[in-house]
N, C-alpha and C. Protein backbone atom coordinates (compact mmCIF):
# COMPACT_ATOMS: atom_id res chain seq x y z
N MET A 1 63.32 -58.10 -33.52
CA MET A 1 64.34 -59.08 -33.21
C MET A 1 64.65 -59.02 -31.71
N SER A 2 64.72 -60.16 -31.08
CA SER A 2 64.94 -60.25 -29.65
C SER A 2 66.43 -60.16 -29.29
N ILE A 3 66.71 -59.51 -28.17
CA ILE A 3 68.08 -59.43 -27.67
C ILE A 3 68.41 -60.57 -26.70
N TRP A 4 67.41 -61.37 -26.34
CA TRP A 4 67.62 -62.42 -25.34
C TRP A 4 68.39 -63.59 -25.96
N ARG A 5 69.48 -63.99 -25.31
CA ARG A 5 70.35 -65.04 -25.85
C ARG A 5 70.22 -66.35 -25.10
N LYS A 6 69.40 -66.35 -24.06
CA LYS A 6 69.11 -67.56 -23.28
C LYS A 6 67.60 -67.69 -23.24
N PRO A 7 67.09 -68.90 -23.17
CA PRO A 7 65.63 -69.06 -23.04
C PRO A 7 65.15 -68.42 -21.74
N VAL A 8 64.03 -67.68 -21.81
CA VAL A 8 63.52 -67.00 -20.62
C VAL A 8 62.02 -66.80 -20.76
N THR A 9 61.31 -66.94 -19.62
CA THR A 9 59.88 -66.70 -19.56
C THR A 9 59.58 -65.85 -18.32
N LEU A 10 58.41 -65.21 -18.31
CA LEU A 10 58.00 -64.45 -17.12
C LEU A 10 57.90 -65.36 -15.90
N ALA A 11 57.35 -66.55 -16.09
CA ALA A 11 57.21 -67.48 -14.96
C ALA A 11 58.58 -67.81 -14.38
N GLN A 12 59.54 -68.03 -15.23
CA GLN A 12 60.90 -68.35 -14.80
C GLN A 12 61.51 -67.17 -14.03
N LEU A 13 61.35 -65.97 -14.54
CA LEU A 13 61.89 -64.78 -13.88
C LEU A 13 61.28 -64.59 -12.50
N ASN A 14 59.97 -64.72 -12.40
CA ASN A 14 59.31 -64.55 -11.11
C ASN A 14 59.64 -65.68 -10.14
N ALA A 15 59.78 -66.90 -10.64
CA ALA A 15 60.14 -68.03 -9.77
C ALA A 15 61.54 -67.85 -9.19
N SER A 16 62.43 -67.20 -9.92
CA SER A 16 63.80 -67.02 -9.43
C SER A 16 63.88 -66.09 -8.22
N ALA A 17 62.80 -65.38 -7.92
CA ALA A 17 62.78 -64.46 -6.79
C ALA A 17 62.45 -65.13 -5.46
N ALA A 18 62.11 -66.40 -5.49
CA ALA A 18 61.72 -67.10 -4.25
C ALA A 18 62.81 -66.99 -3.20
N ASP A 19 62.40 -66.64 -1.98
CA ASP A 19 63.30 -66.56 -0.83
C ASP A 19 64.43 -65.54 -1.02
N THR A 20 64.14 -64.43 -1.68
CA THR A 20 65.13 -63.37 -1.88
C THR A 20 64.53 -62.03 -1.44
N ALA A 21 65.35 -61.01 -1.45
CA ALA A 21 64.88 -59.65 -1.17
C ALA A 21 63.80 -59.23 -2.17
N VAL A 22 63.93 -59.70 -3.39
CA VAL A 22 62.96 -59.38 -4.44
C VAL A 22 61.56 -59.84 -4.02
N GLN A 23 61.46 -61.06 -3.54
CA GLN A 23 60.16 -61.58 -3.08
C GLN A 23 59.69 -60.82 -1.84
N HIS A 24 60.60 -60.59 -0.90
CA HIS A 24 60.24 -59.91 0.34
C HIS A 24 59.64 -58.53 0.08
N LEU A 25 60.17 -57.82 -0.90
CA LEU A 25 59.69 -56.47 -1.22
C LEU A 25 58.45 -56.48 -2.11
N GLY A 26 58.06 -57.66 -2.62
CA GLY A 26 56.87 -57.76 -3.46
C GLY A 26 57.09 -57.39 -4.91
N ILE A 27 58.34 -57.40 -5.35
CA ILE A 27 58.65 -57.07 -6.74
C ILE A 27 58.14 -58.17 -7.66
N GLU A 28 57.48 -57.76 -8.73
CA GLU A 28 56.95 -58.69 -9.73
C GLU A 28 57.49 -58.30 -11.10
N ILE A 29 57.89 -59.29 -11.88
CA ILE A 29 58.26 -59.05 -13.28
C ILE A 29 56.97 -59.19 -14.08
N THR A 30 56.64 -58.16 -14.84
CA THR A 30 55.32 -58.12 -15.48
C THR A 30 55.33 -58.24 -17.00
N GLU A 31 56.46 -57.91 -17.63
CA GLU A 31 56.48 -57.95 -19.09
C GLU A 31 57.90 -58.20 -19.59
N LEU A 32 57.98 -59.05 -20.59
CA LEU A 32 59.24 -59.38 -21.24
C LEU A 32 59.06 -59.08 -22.72
N GLY A 33 59.63 -57.97 -23.18
CA GLY A 33 59.52 -57.59 -24.58
C GLY A 33 60.75 -58.03 -25.35
N PRO A 34 60.81 -57.76 -26.64
CA PRO A 34 61.95 -58.19 -27.44
C PRO A 34 63.25 -57.49 -27.05
N ASP A 35 63.16 -56.30 -26.44
CA ASP A 35 64.36 -55.57 -26.05
C ASP A 35 64.18 -54.81 -24.73
N TYR A 36 63.29 -55.29 -23.89
CA TYR A 36 63.08 -54.64 -22.59
C TYR A 36 62.50 -55.63 -21.59
N LEU A 37 62.62 -55.25 -20.31
CA LEU A 37 62.07 -56.04 -19.21
C LEU A 37 61.38 -55.06 -18.27
N THR A 38 60.14 -55.38 -17.88
CA THR A 38 59.36 -54.50 -17.02
C THR A 38 58.97 -55.24 -15.75
N GLY A 39 59.02 -54.51 -14.64
CA GLY A 39 58.58 -55.06 -13.36
C GLY A 39 58.05 -53.94 -12.49
N ARG A 40 57.47 -54.33 -11.35
CA ARG A 40 56.89 -53.31 -10.48
C ARG A 40 57.09 -53.69 -9.02
N VAL A 41 56.98 -52.66 -8.18
CA VAL A 41 57.10 -52.85 -6.74
C VAL A 41 55.95 -52.11 -6.07
N PRO A 42 55.33 -52.72 -5.05
CA PRO A 42 54.26 -52.00 -4.35
C PRO A 42 54.84 -50.96 -3.40
N VAL A 43 54.09 -49.89 -3.22
CA VAL A 43 54.44 -48.90 -2.20
C VAL A 43 53.56 -49.23 -1.00
N ASP A 44 54.14 -49.95 -0.04
CA ASP A 44 53.38 -50.41 1.13
C ASP A 44 54.29 -50.46 2.36
N HIS A 45 53.84 -51.11 3.41
CA HIS A 45 54.58 -51.15 4.67
C HIS A 45 55.99 -51.73 4.53
N ARG A 46 56.22 -52.56 3.51
CA ARG A 46 57.54 -53.16 3.30
C ARG A 46 58.51 -52.21 2.61
N THR A 47 57.97 -51.25 1.87
CA THR A 47 58.83 -50.48 0.97
C THR A 47 58.87 -48.98 1.26
N ARG A 48 58.08 -48.52 2.24
CA ARG A 48 58.09 -47.09 2.58
C ARG A 48 59.19 -46.78 3.59
N GLN A 49 59.70 -45.56 3.51
CA GLN A 49 60.61 -45.06 4.54
C GLN A 49 59.77 -44.40 5.64
N PRO A 50 60.39 -43.98 6.75
CA PRO A 50 59.61 -43.47 7.89
C PRO A 50 58.71 -42.27 7.62
N PHE A 51 58.94 -41.53 6.54
CA PHE A 51 58.10 -40.38 6.22
C PHE A 51 56.95 -40.73 5.28
N GLY A 52 56.74 -42.04 5.04
CA GLY A 52 55.59 -42.48 4.26
C GLY A 52 55.80 -42.53 2.75
N LEU A 53 57.03 -42.30 2.30
CA LEU A 53 57.33 -42.32 0.86
C LEU A 53 58.03 -43.62 0.49
N LEU A 54 57.95 -43.99 -0.78
CA LEU A 54 58.73 -45.13 -1.25
C LEU A 54 60.19 -44.87 -0.93
N HIS A 55 60.83 -45.80 -0.28
CA HIS A 55 62.24 -45.67 0.08
C HIS A 55 63.07 -45.63 -1.20
N GLY A 56 64.00 -44.68 -1.29
CA GLY A 56 64.84 -44.57 -2.48
C GLY A 56 65.63 -45.83 -2.74
N GLY A 57 66.04 -46.52 -1.68
CA GLY A 57 66.79 -47.77 -1.85
C GLY A 57 65.95 -48.84 -2.50
N VAL A 58 64.64 -48.81 -2.28
CA VAL A 58 63.77 -49.80 -2.92
C VAL A 58 63.69 -49.54 -4.42
N SER A 59 63.69 -48.28 -4.81
CA SER A 59 63.75 -47.97 -6.25
C SER A 59 65.03 -48.54 -6.85
N VAL A 60 66.13 -48.44 -6.11
CA VAL A 60 67.40 -48.98 -6.60
C VAL A 60 67.35 -50.51 -6.66
N VAL A 61 66.70 -51.13 -5.69
CA VAL A 61 66.55 -52.60 -5.73
C VAL A 61 65.74 -53.01 -6.96
N LEU A 62 64.66 -52.29 -7.25
CA LEU A 62 63.88 -52.59 -8.46
C LEU A 62 64.75 -52.42 -9.70
N ALA A 63 65.50 -51.32 -9.77
CA ALA A 63 66.37 -51.08 -10.93
C ALA A 63 67.41 -52.18 -11.07
N GLU A 64 68.07 -52.54 -9.97
CA GLU A 64 69.11 -53.56 -10.05
C GLU A 64 68.53 -54.92 -10.40
N THR A 65 67.36 -55.21 -9.89
CA THR A 65 66.70 -56.48 -10.23
C THR A 65 66.44 -56.57 -11.73
N LEU A 66 65.84 -55.53 -12.28
CA LEU A 66 65.51 -55.54 -13.71
C LEU A 66 66.78 -55.52 -14.57
N GLY A 67 67.72 -54.67 -14.24
CA GLY A 67 68.95 -54.58 -15.03
C GLY A 67 69.79 -55.84 -14.97
N SER A 68 69.87 -56.44 -13.79
CA SER A 68 70.67 -57.66 -13.65
C SER A 68 70.04 -58.84 -14.38
N MET A 69 68.73 -58.99 -14.22
CA MET A 69 68.04 -60.07 -14.93
C MET A 69 68.18 -59.89 -16.43
N ALA A 70 67.96 -58.68 -16.90
CA ALA A 70 68.04 -58.40 -18.34
C ALA A 70 69.44 -58.69 -18.86
N ALA A 71 70.46 -58.24 -18.14
CA ALA A 71 71.84 -58.45 -18.59
C ALA A 71 72.18 -59.93 -18.66
N TYR A 72 71.75 -60.69 -17.66
CA TYR A 72 72.03 -62.12 -17.66
C TYR A 72 71.44 -62.80 -18.89
N TYR A 73 70.20 -62.50 -19.19
CA TYR A 73 69.53 -63.16 -20.33
C TYR A 73 69.95 -62.60 -21.68
N ALA A 74 70.58 -61.42 -21.69
CA ALA A 74 71.10 -60.86 -22.94
C ALA A 74 72.55 -61.29 -23.19
N ALA A 75 73.13 -61.99 -22.21
CA ALA A 75 74.51 -62.47 -22.35
C ALA A 75 74.50 -63.86 -22.99
N PRO A 76 75.60 -64.26 -23.61
CA PRO A 76 75.66 -65.58 -24.23
C PRO A 76 75.48 -66.71 -23.21
N GLU A 77 75.03 -67.83 -23.69
CA GLU A 77 74.85 -69.02 -22.85
C GLU A 77 76.16 -69.31 -22.11
N GLY A 78 76.05 -69.63 -20.84
CA GLY A 78 77.20 -69.94 -20.01
C GLY A 78 77.84 -68.72 -19.35
N HIS A 79 77.52 -67.54 -19.83
CA HIS A 79 78.08 -66.31 -19.25
C HIS A 79 77.22 -65.86 -18.06
N LYS A 80 77.86 -65.15 -17.14
CA LYS A 80 77.18 -64.58 -15.98
C LYS A 80 77.24 -63.06 -16.09
N ALA A 81 76.36 -62.39 -15.35
CA ALA A 81 76.35 -60.93 -15.31
C ALA A 81 76.40 -60.50 -13.85
N VAL A 82 77.34 -59.61 -13.54
CA VAL A 82 77.47 -59.09 -12.18
C VAL A 82 77.55 -57.56 -12.24
N GLY A 83 76.96 -56.93 -11.24
CA GLY A 83 76.92 -55.48 -11.22
C GLY A 83 78.26 -54.84 -10.93
N LEU A 84 78.57 -53.77 -11.67
CA LEU A 84 79.76 -52.96 -11.44
C LEU A 84 79.41 -51.62 -10.81
N ASP A 85 78.32 -51.02 -11.26
CA ASP A 85 77.97 -49.68 -10.80
C ASP A 85 76.48 -49.47 -11.03
N ILE A 86 75.86 -48.73 -10.11
CA ILE A 86 74.46 -48.33 -10.30
C ILE A 86 74.29 -46.94 -9.74
N ASN A 87 73.46 -46.14 -10.40
CA ASN A 87 73.11 -44.83 -9.87
C ASN A 87 71.62 -44.63 -10.05
N ALA A 88 71.08 -43.69 -9.29
CA ALA A 88 69.65 -43.41 -9.38
C ALA A 88 69.41 -41.94 -9.10
N ASN A 89 68.53 -41.36 -9.87
CA ASN A 89 68.05 -40.00 -9.64
C ASN A 89 66.58 -40.10 -9.28
N HIS A 90 66.26 -39.67 -8.06
CA HIS A 90 64.88 -39.72 -7.58
C HIS A 90 64.18 -38.43 -8.00
N LEU A 91 63.13 -38.56 -8.78
CA LEU A 91 62.49 -37.41 -9.42
C LEU A 91 61.18 -37.00 -8.77
N ARG A 92 60.45 -37.95 -8.20
CA ARG A 92 59.14 -37.66 -7.63
C ARG A 92 58.86 -38.65 -6.51
N ALA A 93 58.34 -38.15 -5.41
CA ALA A 93 57.96 -39.01 -4.30
C ALA A 93 56.70 -39.79 -4.65
N VAL A 94 56.64 -41.03 -4.19
CA VAL A 94 55.46 -41.87 -4.38
C VAL A 94 55.04 -42.37 -3.01
N ARG A 95 53.74 -42.21 -2.68
CA ARG A 95 53.22 -42.56 -1.36
C ARG A 95 52.39 -43.84 -1.34
N SER A 96 51.86 -44.24 -2.49
CA SER A 96 51.00 -45.42 -2.52
C SER A 96 50.95 -45.98 -3.93
N GLY A 97 50.33 -47.14 -4.05
CA GLY A 97 50.16 -47.76 -5.37
C GLY A 97 51.36 -48.60 -5.75
N TRP A 98 51.71 -48.52 -7.01
CA TRP A 98 52.83 -49.29 -7.58
C TRP A 98 53.78 -48.37 -8.31
N VAL A 99 55.04 -48.72 -8.30
CA VAL A 99 56.04 -48.08 -9.15
C VAL A 99 56.48 -49.14 -10.16
N THR A 100 56.43 -48.79 -11.42
CA THR A 100 56.79 -49.71 -12.50
C THR A 100 58.08 -49.24 -13.16
N GLY A 101 58.99 -50.19 -13.34
CA GLY A 101 60.26 -49.89 -13.99
C GLY A 101 60.42 -50.67 -15.28
N THR A 102 61.06 -50.04 -16.25
CA THR A 102 61.36 -50.71 -17.51
C THR A 102 62.84 -50.56 -17.80
N ALA A 103 63.49 -51.70 -17.98
CA ALA A 103 64.93 -51.73 -18.29
C ALA A 103 65.11 -51.89 -19.80
N ARG A 104 65.93 -51.02 -20.35
CA ARG A 104 66.28 -51.07 -21.78
C ARG A 104 67.79 -50.95 -21.92
N PRO A 105 68.36 -51.67 -22.87
CA PRO A 105 69.82 -51.60 -23.02
C PRO A 105 70.27 -50.27 -23.62
N VAL A 106 71.36 -49.76 -23.08
CA VAL A 106 72.06 -48.63 -23.66
C VAL A 106 73.24 -49.16 -24.48
N HIS A 107 73.85 -50.23 -23.94
CA HIS A 107 75.01 -50.85 -24.59
C HIS A 107 75.04 -52.33 -24.22
N ILE A 108 75.14 -53.20 -25.21
CA ILE A 108 75.34 -54.62 -24.97
C ILE A 108 76.65 -55.00 -25.66
N GLY A 109 77.70 -55.10 -24.86
CA GLY A 109 79.01 -55.43 -25.39
C GLY A 109 79.43 -56.83 -24.98
N LYS A 110 80.63 -57.18 -25.37
CA LYS A 110 81.15 -58.51 -25.08
C LYS A 110 81.48 -58.68 -23.59
N THR A 111 82.00 -57.62 -22.96
CA THR A 111 82.42 -57.73 -21.56
C THR A 111 81.64 -56.83 -20.62
N THR A 112 80.91 -55.86 -21.14
CA THR A 112 80.07 -55.00 -20.30
C THR A 112 78.73 -54.74 -20.97
N GLN A 113 77.76 -54.44 -20.13
CA GLN A 113 76.46 -54.00 -20.60
C GLN A 113 76.05 -52.81 -19.75
N VAL A 114 75.32 -51.86 -20.35
CA VAL A 114 74.76 -50.73 -19.62
C VAL A 114 73.26 -50.72 -19.89
N TRP A 115 72.48 -50.62 -18.81
CA TRP A 115 71.02 -50.63 -18.89
C TRP A 115 70.47 -49.38 -18.22
N GLN A 116 69.46 -48.79 -18.82
CA GLN A 116 68.73 -47.69 -18.21
C GLN A 116 67.39 -48.21 -17.74
N ILE A 117 67.03 -47.85 -16.52
CA ILE A 117 65.77 -48.27 -15.94
C ILE A 117 64.97 -47.02 -15.61
N ASP A 118 63.85 -46.84 -16.30
CA ASP A 118 62.96 -45.71 -16.07
C ASP A 118 61.78 -46.18 -15.23
N MET A 119 61.54 -45.49 -14.11
CA MET A 119 60.47 -45.86 -13.20
C MET A 119 59.40 -44.78 -13.16
N VAL A 120 58.14 -45.22 -13.12
CA VAL A 120 57.00 -44.30 -13.12
C VAL A 120 56.00 -44.73 -12.05
N ASP A 121 55.20 -43.74 -11.59
CA ASP A 121 54.11 -44.06 -10.66
C ASP A 121 52.90 -44.54 -11.45
N GLU A 122 51.81 -44.80 -10.76
CA GLU A 122 50.61 -45.33 -11.44
C GLU A 122 50.01 -44.35 -12.45
N ALA A 123 50.29 -43.06 -12.30
CA ALA A 123 49.79 -42.06 -13.25
C ALA A 123 50.73 -41.89 -14.43
N GLY A 124 51.82 -42.67 -14.46
CA GLY A 124 52.77 -42.59 -15.56
C GLY A 124 53.80 -41.48 -15.41
N ARG A 125 53.83 -40.84 -14.23
CA ARG A 125 54.79 -39.76 -13.98
C ARG A 125 56.14 -40.35 -13.57
N PRO A 126 57.23 -39.83 -14.13
CA PRO A 126 58.55 -40.34 -13.75
C PRO A 126 58.81 -40.17 -12.26
N SER A 127 59.27 -41.24 -11.61
CA SER A 127 59.61 -41.18 -10.19
C SER A 127 61.10 -41.35 -9.97
N CYS A 128 61.76 -42.10 -10.84
CA CYS A 128 63.19 -42.36 -10.68
C CYS A 128 63.75 -42.83 -12.02
N VAL A 129 64.99 -42.47 -12.28
CA VAL A 129 65.70 -42.99 -13.44
C VAL A 129 67.03 -43.53 -12.92
N SER A 130 67.39 -44.72 -13.38
CA SER A 130 68.59 -45.38 -12.90
C SER A 130 69.37 -45.94 -14.07
N ARG A 131 70.67 -46.09 -13.87
CA ARG A 131 71.52 -46.72 -14.88
C ARG A 131 72.44 -47.69 -14.17
N ILE A 132 72.54 -48.90 -14.72
CA ILE A 132 73.39 -49.92 -14.14
C ILE A 132 74.39 -50.41 -15.19
N THR A 133 75.63 -50.59 -14.75
CA THR A 133 76.67 -51.17 -15.59
C THR A 133 76.96 -52.56 -15.07
N MET A 134 76.94 -53.52 -15.99
CA MET A 134 77.14 -54.93 -15.64
C MET A 134 78.40 -55.46 -16.31
N ALA A 135 79.15 -56.26 -15.57
CA ALA A 135 80.28 -56.99 -16.15
C ALA A 135 79.74 -58.33 -16.63
N ILE A 136 80.14 -58.73 -17.82
CA ILE A 136 79.74 -60.02 -18.38
C ILE A 136 80.94 -60.95 -18.24
N LEU A 137 80.75 -62.01 -17.47
CA LEU A 137 81.83 -62.95 -17.16
C LEU A 137 81.71 -64.20 -18.00
N ALA A 138 82.77 -64.52 -18.74
CA ALA A 138 82.81 -65.72 -19.58
C ALA A 138 82.92 -66.95 -18.68
N PRO A 139 82.49 -68.10 -19.19
CA PRO A 139 82.62 -69.33 -18.40
C PRO A 139 84.08 -69.59 -18.04
N GLN A 140 84.29 -70.08 -16.86
CA GLN A 140 85.64 -70.41 -16.38
C GLN A 140 85.97 -71.84 -16.77
N ALA A 141 87.18 -72.06 -17.21
CA ALA A 141 87.65 -73.43 -17.48
C ALA A 141 87.80 -74.15 -16.15
N VAL A 142 87.37 -75.38 -16.09
CA VAL A 142 87.49 -76.18 -14.88
C VAL A 142 88.89 -76.74 -14.79
N ASP A 143 89.53 -76.52 -13.65
CA ASP A 143 90.88 -77.03 -13.42
C ASP A 143 90.79 -78.54 -13.18
N GLN A 144 91.39 -79.32 -14.05
CA GLN A 144 91.31 -80.78 -13.98
C GLN A 144 92.48 -81.40 -13.19
N THR A 145 93.35 -80.57 -12.64
CA THR A 145 94.49 -81.12 -11.89
C THR A 145 94.01 -81.63 -10.53
N VAL A 146 94.70 -82.62 -10.04
CA VAL A 146 94.36 -83.23 -8.76
C VAL A 146 95.52 -82.99 -7.80
N SER A 147 95.20 -82.49 -6.63
CA SER A 147 96.22 -82.29 -5.60
C SER A 147 96.26 -83.50 -4.69
N VAL A 148 97.46 -83.88 -4.26
CA VAL A 148 97.62 -85.01 -3.34
C VAL A 148 98.19 -84.53 -2.05
């Protein structure tokens, strides 16, 4: 059974990255499962820190990208998802290749969601684990009053 409450496709997810930090860093959404979202980021000149390792902040950008997208599509139609908190534990340095992250829900509630994002290097070794808490915002009523 799928947790997605809005229509979503991989093409749609990747197209939404146009002209954003996500596109600039080369992040790609690669898999949309019934209860998870997977994406990857290259370890290259755009994403390395000065010592030649994947920048820890880029791992956080990958985690926030996956968690935010997942939360939005797991929320009811008309609702928005905004980040409240994110943390990351960097477990292993990565110097080249790709880092792949998979976001899975820990909690999908009416007003908050919590997602865990596990990231691995190309050999499948854990490189980072992150958790993001999202606020789910209900649609706002439009104020129909007119000021003169």
